[in-house]
């Protein structure tokens, strides 16, 4: 499936707009990751554990949006927007939300 943040598909004809679809993933950050993240904040560097969790959440959200679009008969997603939030008590959870418009397109003749 073609996935793009643009509102069109260059060189293609959008035949039908099938609707807005959303994929979400909320993952909890555990105490060990929090501890290593705090150490990274003090000494500098990247918090790899958090980056891995964000990456995993993004993959889950994209899988959901693609499944939702596919179930509508779409062969592409356009206008994709990715949002990241910290939720829960004391920001203990990370949320990734991905939304876009499911479309059916054909190649220009």
N, C-alpha and C. Protein backbone atom coordinates (compact mmCIF):
# COMPACT_ATOMS: atom_id res chain seq x y z
N UNK A 1 0.85 -1.18 0.00
CA UNK A 1 0.00 0.00 0.00
C UNK A 1 0.89 1.24 0.00
N UNK A 2 0.54 2.20 -0.83
CA UNK A 2 1.25 3.47 -0.86
C UNK A 2 0.78 4.32 0.32
N UNK A 3 1.72 4.86 1.08
CA UNK A 3 1.41 5.73 2.21
C UNK A 3 2.18 7.03 2.03
N UNK A 4 1.47 8.16 2.09
CA UNK A 4 2.13 9.44 1.87
C UNK A 4 1.50 10.54 2.73
N UNK A 5 2.32 11.51 3.07
CA UNK A 5 1.81 12.67 3.81
C UNK A 5 1.22 13.71 2.87
N UNK A 6 1.43 13.56 1.59
CA UNK A 6 0.90 14.52 0.61
C UNK A 6 -0.59 14.27 0.39
N UNK A 7 -1.26 15.26 -0.20
CA UNK A 7 -2.70 15.15 -0.41
C UNK A 7 -3.06 14.57 -1.78
N UNK A 8 -2.05 14.18 -2.53
CA UNK A 8 -2.31 13.56 -3.83
C UNK A 8 -1.23 12.53 -4.13
N UNK A 9 -1.39 11.83 -5.23
CA UNK A 9 -0.40 10.86 -5.68
C UNK A 9 0.05 11.29 -7.07
N UNK A 10 1.25 11.83 -7.16
CA UNK A 10 1.75 12.30 -8.45
C UNK A 10 1.73 11.18 -9.48
N UNK A 11 1.19 11.49 -10.63
CA UNK A 11 1.14 10.54 -11.73
C UNK A 11 0.04 9.50 -11.62
N UNK A 12 -0.83 9.64 -10.63
CA UNK A 12 -1.92 8.68 -10.44
C UNK A 12 -3.25 9.42 -10.40
N UNK A 13 -4.32 8.69 -10.63
CA UNK A 13 -5.66 9.27 -10.59
C UNK A 13 -6.39 8.67 -9.39
N UNK A 14 -6.81 9.52 -8.47
CA UNK A 14 -7.59 9.04 -7.33
C UNK A 14 -9.03 8.86 -7.81
N UNK A 15 -9.48 7.61 -7.76
CA UNK A 15 -10.83 7.29 -8.23
C UNK A 15 -11.88 7.50 -7.15
N UNK A 16 -11.51 7.20 -5.89
CA UNK A 16 -12.50 7.29 -4.83
C UNK A 16 -11.83 7.56 -3.49
N UNK A 17 -12.42 8.48 -2.75
CA UNK A 17 -12.01 8.76 -1.38
C UNK A 17 -12.89 7.89 -0.48
N UNK A 18 -12.27 7.04 0.32
CA UNK A 18 -13.01 6.05 1.10
C UNK A 18 -13.22 6.43 2.56
N UNK A 19 -12.55 7.47 3.01
CA UNK A 19 -12.76 7.93 4.38
C UNK A 19 -11.48 8.04 5.19
N UNK A 20 -11.61 8.69 6.32
CA UNK A 20 -10.49 8.88 7.24
C UNK A 20 -10.34 7.61 8.07
N UNK A 21 -9.09 7.17 8.23
CA UNK A 21 -8.78 6.02 9.07
C UNK A 21 -7.73 6.42 10.09
N UNK A 22 -7.76 5.73 11.23
CA UNK A 22 -6.87 6.06 12.33
C UNK A 22 -6.25 4.79 12.91
N UNK A 23 -4.99 4.89 13.27
CA UNK A 23 -4.31 3.82 13.99
C UNK A 23 -3.67 4.42 15.23
N UNK A 24 -3.80 3.72 16.35
CA UNK A 24 -3.25 4.25 17.60
C UNK A 24 -2.53 3.14 18.36
N UNK A 25 -1.50 3.54 19.07
CA UNK A 25 -0.79 2.62 19.95
C UNK A 25 -0.37 3.38 21.20
N UNK A 26 -0.67 2.79 22.35
CA UNK A 26 -0.26 3.37 23.63
C UNK A 26 0.59 2.33 24.34
N UNK A 27 1.82 2.72 24.64
CA UNK A 27 2.74 1.81 25.29
C UNK A 27 3.21 2.41 26.60
N UNK A 28 3.27 1.58 27.62
CA UNK A 28 3.74 2.03 28.93
C UNK A 28 5.26 1.99 28.99
N UNK A 29 5.82 2.95 29.69
CA UNK A 29 7.27 2.98 29.92
C UNK A 29 7.50 2.38 31.30
N UNK A 30 8.37 1.38 31.37
CA UNK A 30 8.57 0.74 32.67
C UNK A 30 9.66 1.42 33.47
N UNK A 31 9.80 1.03 34.72
CA UNK A 31 10.72 1.69 35.65
C UNK A 31 12.17 1.59 35.19
N UNK A 32 12.56 0.46 34.60
CA UNK A 32 13.94 0.30 34.13
C UNK A 32 14.25 1.30 33.01
N UNK A 33 13.32 1.44 32.07
CA UNK A 33 13.51 2.40 30.98
C UNK A 33 13.55 3.82 31.53
N UNK A 34 12.70 4.10 32.52
CA UNK A 34 12.70 5.43 33.13
C UNK A 34 14.05 5.72 33.79
N UNK A 35 14.60 4.73 34.47
CA UNK A 35 15.88 4.90 35.15
C UNK A 35 16.99 5.17 34.14
N UNK A 36 17.06 4.35 33.10
CA UNK A 36 18.10 4.56 32.09
C UNK A 36 17.89 5.87 31.32
N UNK A 37 16.62 6.23 31.10
CA UNK A 37 16.32 7.51 30.45
C UNK A 37 16.80 8.67 31.29
N UNK A 38 16.60 8.59 32.62
CA UNK A 38 17.05 9.66 33.51
C UNK A 38 18.57 9.77 33.51
N UNK A 39 19.26 8.63 33.49
CA UNK A 39 20.72 8.64 33.43
C UNK A 39 21.18 9.29 32.13
N UNK A 40 20.53 8.96 31.03
CA UNK A 40 20.88 9.57 29.74
C UNK A 40 20.68 11.07 29.77
N UNK A 41 19.59 11.51 30.43
CA UNK A 41 19.34 12.95 30.54
C UNK A 41 20.48 13.65 31.26
N UNK A 42 21.03 13.01 32.28
CA UNK A 42 22.10 13.61 33.08
C UNK A 42 23.42 13.63 32.32
N UNK A 43 23.78 12.49 31.72
CA UNK A 43 25.10 12.39 31.07
C UNK A 43 25.05 12.73 29.58
N UNK A 44 23.89 12.90 29.05
CA UNK A 44 23.76 13.23 27.63
C UNK A 44 23.64 11.96 26.79
N UNK A 45 23.31 12.12 25.55
CA UNK A 45 23.15 10.98 24.67
C UNK A 45 21.69 10.71 24.36
N UNK A 46 21.49 9.62 23.67
CA UNK A 46 20.15 9.27 23.23
C UNK A 46 19.57 8.20 24.14
N UNK A 47 18.28 8.26 24.37
CA UNK A 47 17.59 7.28 25.20
C UNK A 47 17.07 6.17 24.28
N UNK A 48 17.93 5.21 24.01
CA UNK A 48 17.62 4.14 23.05
C UNK A 48 16.39 3.34 23.40
N UNK A 49 16.16 3.07 24.68
CA UNK A 49 14.99 2.29 25.07
C UNK A 49 13.70 3.02 24.69
N UNK A 50 13.66 4.32 24.94
CA UNK A 50 12.48 5.10 24.57
C UNK A 50 12.34 5.18 23.05
N UNK A 51 13.44 5.36 22.35
CA UNK A 51 13.38 5.41 20.89
C UNK A 51 12.84 4.10 20.32
N UNK A 52 13.26 2.99 20.89
CA UNK A 52 12.77 1.69 20.44
C UNK A 52 11.27 1.55 20.69
N UNK A 53 10.80 2.01 21.86
CA UNK A 53 9.39 1.94 22.16
C UNK A 53 8.57 2.84 21.24
N UNK A 54 9.07 4.04 20.96
CA UNK A 54 8.36 4.93 20.02
C UNK A 54 8.29 4.31 18.63
N UNK A 55 9.39 3.70 18.22
CA UNK A 55 9.43 3.05 16.91
C UNK A 55 8.42 1.90 16.86
N UNK A 56 8.36 1.12 17.92
CA UNK A 56 7.41 0.00 17.97
C UNK A 56 5.97 0.52 17.96
N UNK A 57 5.69 1.58 18.71
CA UNK A 57 4.35 2.16 18.73
C UNK A 57 3.96 2.69 17.35
N UNK A 58 4.90 3.33 16.68
CA UNK A 58 4.63 3.86 15.33
C UNK A 58 4.33 2.72 14.36
N UNK A 59 5.09 1.63 14.45
CA UNK A 59 4.86 0.47 13.58
C UNK A 59 3.47 -0.13 13.82
N UNK A 60 3.07 -0.23 15.09
CA UNK A 60 1.74 -0.75 15.43
C UNK A 60 0.66 0.16 14.86
N UNK A 61 0.81 1.48 15.05
CA UNK A 61 -0.20 2.43 14.56
C UNK A 61 -0.30 2.39 13.04
N UNK A 62 0.85 2.29 12.34
CA UNK A 62 0.82 2.20 10.88
C UNK A 62 0.17 0.89 10.42
N UNK A 63 0.44 -0.20 11.12
CA UNK A 63 -0.19 -1.48 10.75
C UNK A 63 -1.70 -1.38 10.89
N UNK A 64 -2.16 -0.72 11.95
CA UNK A 64 -3.60 -0.54 12.16
C UNK A 64 -4.24 0.31 11.07
N UNK A 65 -3.58 1.41 10.71
CA UNK A 65 -4.16 2.30 9.70
C UNK A 65 -4.20 1.61 8.33
N UNK A 66 -3.16 0.86 8.02
CA UNK A 66 -3.13 0.14 6.75
C UNK A 66 -4.20 -0.94 6.71
N UNK A 67 -4.41 -1.63 7.82
CA UNK A 67 -5.46 -2.66 7.89
C UNK A 67 -6.83 -2.02 7.72
N UNK A 68 -7.05 -0.90 8.40
CA UNK A 68 -8.34 -0.20 8.29
C UNK A 68 -8.59 0.25 6.85
N UNK A 69 -7.56 0.80 6.22
CA UNK A 69 -7.71 1.26 4.83
C UNK A 69 -7.96 0.08 3.88
N UNK A 70 -7.24 -0.98 4.09
CA UNK A 70 -7.39 -2.18 3.25
C UNK A 70 -8.80 -2.75 3.37
N UNK A 71 -9.36 -2.73 4.56
CA UNK A 71 -10.71 -3.26 4.76
C UNK A 71 -11.76 -2.42 4.04
N UNK A 72 -11.43 -1.17 3.73
CA UNK A 72 -12.34 -0.30 2.97
C UNK A 72 -12.13 -0.46 1.46
N UNK A 73 -11.13 -1.25 1.06
CA UNK A 73 -10.84 -1.43 -0.36
C UNK A 73 -9.83 -0.44 -0.90
N UNK A 74 -9.11 0.22 -0.03
CA UNK A 74 -8.12 1.23 -0.45
C UNK A 74 -6.83 0.56 -0.92
N UNK A 75 -6.15 1.25 -1.83
CA UNK A 75 -4.81 0.81 -2.21
C UNK A 75 -3.77 1.89 -1.92
N UNK A 76 -4.21 2.95 -1.21
CA UNK A 76 -3.27 4.00 -0.80
C UNK A 76 -3.86 4.79 0.37
N UNK A 77 -2.96 5.42 1.10
CA UNK A 77 -3.32 6.35 2.17
C UNK A 77 -2.64 7.68 1.86
N UNK A 78 -3.42 8.75 1.88
CA UNK A 78 -2.86 10.07 1.62
C UNK A 78 -3.10 10.98 2.82
N UNK A 79 -2.36 12.08 2.87
CA UNK A 79 -2.55 13.07 3.93
C UNK A 79 -2.26 12.52 5.32
N UNK A 80 -1.32 11.62 5.42
CA UNK A 80 -1.02 10.99 6.70
C UNK A 80 -0.44 12.01 7.68
N UNK A 81 -0.95 11.95 8.91
CA UNK A 81 -0.47 12.79 10.00
C UNK A 81 -0.08 11.87 11.15
N UNK A 82 1.09 12.12 11.73
CA UNK A 82 1.58 11.32 12.86
C UNK A 82 1.69 12.23 14.07
N UNK A 83 1.07 11.83 15.17
CA UNK A 83 1.11 12.60 16.41
C UNK A 83 1.68 11.75 17.53
N UNK A 84 2.48 12.38 18.38
CA UNK A 84 3.07 11.73 19.54
C UNK A 84 2.60 12.46 20.78
N UNK A 85 2.19 11.71 21.79
CA UNK A 85 1.73 12.31 23.05
C UNK A 85 2.24 11.47 24.21
N UNK A 86 2.37 12.12 25.35
CA UNK A 86 2.65 11.44 26.61
C UNK A 86 1.36 11.50 27.40
N UNK A 87 0.87 10.35 27.87
CA UNK A 87 -0.40 10.29 28.57
C UNK A 87 -0.25 9.50 29.86
N UNK A 88 -1.28 9.54 30.66
CA UNK A 88 -1.29 8.77 31.89
C UNK A 88 -0.71 9.54 33.06
N UNK A 89 -0.79 8.91 34.21
CA UNK A 89 -0.29 9.50 35.44
C UNK A 89 1.20 9.74 35.33
N UNK A 90 1.61 10.97 35.52
CA UNK A 90 3.02 11.39 35.44
C UNK A 90 3.65 11.05 34.09
N UNK A 91 2.85 11.03 33.05
CA UNK A 91 3.37 10.78 31.71
C UNK A 91 3.97 9.41 31.56
N UNK A 92 3.37 8.41 32.18
CA UNK A 92 3.93 7.06 32.20
C UNK A 92 3.70 6.28 30.91
N UNK A 93 2.92 6.83 30.00
CA UNK A 93 2.62 6.12 28.76
C UNK A 93 2.87 7.01 27.56
N UNK A 94 3.26 6.37 26.47
CA UNK A 94 3.50 7.08 25.22
C UNK A 94 2.43 6.66 24.21
N UNK A 95 1.89 7.63 23.49
CA UNK A 95 0.87 7.34 22.50
C UNK A 95 1.32 7.84 21.14
N UNK A 96 1.13 7.00 20.15
CA UNK A 96 1.34 7.41 18.76
C UNK A 96 0.01 7.24 18.05
N UNK A 97 -0.43 8.30 17.38
CA UNK A 97 -1.67 8.27 16.63
C UNK A 97 -1.35 8.64 15.17
N UNK A 98 -1.83 7.80 14.26
CA UNK A 98 -1.60 8.03 12.84
C UNK A 98 -2.96 8.09 12.15
N UNK A 99 -3.19 9.15 11.38
CA UNK A 99 -4.46 9.25 10.65
C UNK A 99 -4.18 9.63 9.20
N UNK A 100 -5.11 9.31 8.35
CA UNK A 100 -4.97 9.64 6.93
C UNK A 100 -6.26 9.33 6.20
N UNK A 101 -6.27 9.60 4.92
CA UNK A 101 -7.43 9.34 4.08
C UNK A 101 -7.17 8.13 3.21
N UNK A 102 -8.06 7.15 3.33
CA UNK A 102 -7.96 5.94 2.51
C UNK A 102 -8.54 6.26 1.13
N UNK A 103 -7.80 5.90 0.08
CA UNK A 103 -8.25 6.16 -1.28
C UNK A 103 -8.01 4.94 -2.17
N UNK A 104 -8.74 4.92 -3.27
CA UNK A 104 -8.49 3.94 -4.32
C UNK A 104 -8.01 4.73 -5.53
N UNK A 105 -6.86 4.34 -6.08
CA UNK A 105 -6.32 5.05 -7.23
C UNK A 105 -6.04 4.09 -8.37
N UNK A 106 -5.83 4.68 -9.54
CA UNK A 106 -5.40 3.90 -10.71
C UNK A 106 -4.28 4.67 -11.39
N UNK A 107 -3.49 3.94 -12.14
CA UNK A 107 -2.40 4.57 -12.89
C UNK A 107 -2.99 5.37 -14.06
N UNK A 108 -2.39 6.53 -14.35
CA UNK A 108 -2.82 7.30 -15.52
C UNK A 108 -2.51 6.50 -16.78
N UNK A 109 -3.41 6.57 -17.71
CA UNK A 109 -3.20 5.82 -18.98
C UNK A 109 -2.28 6.54 -19.90
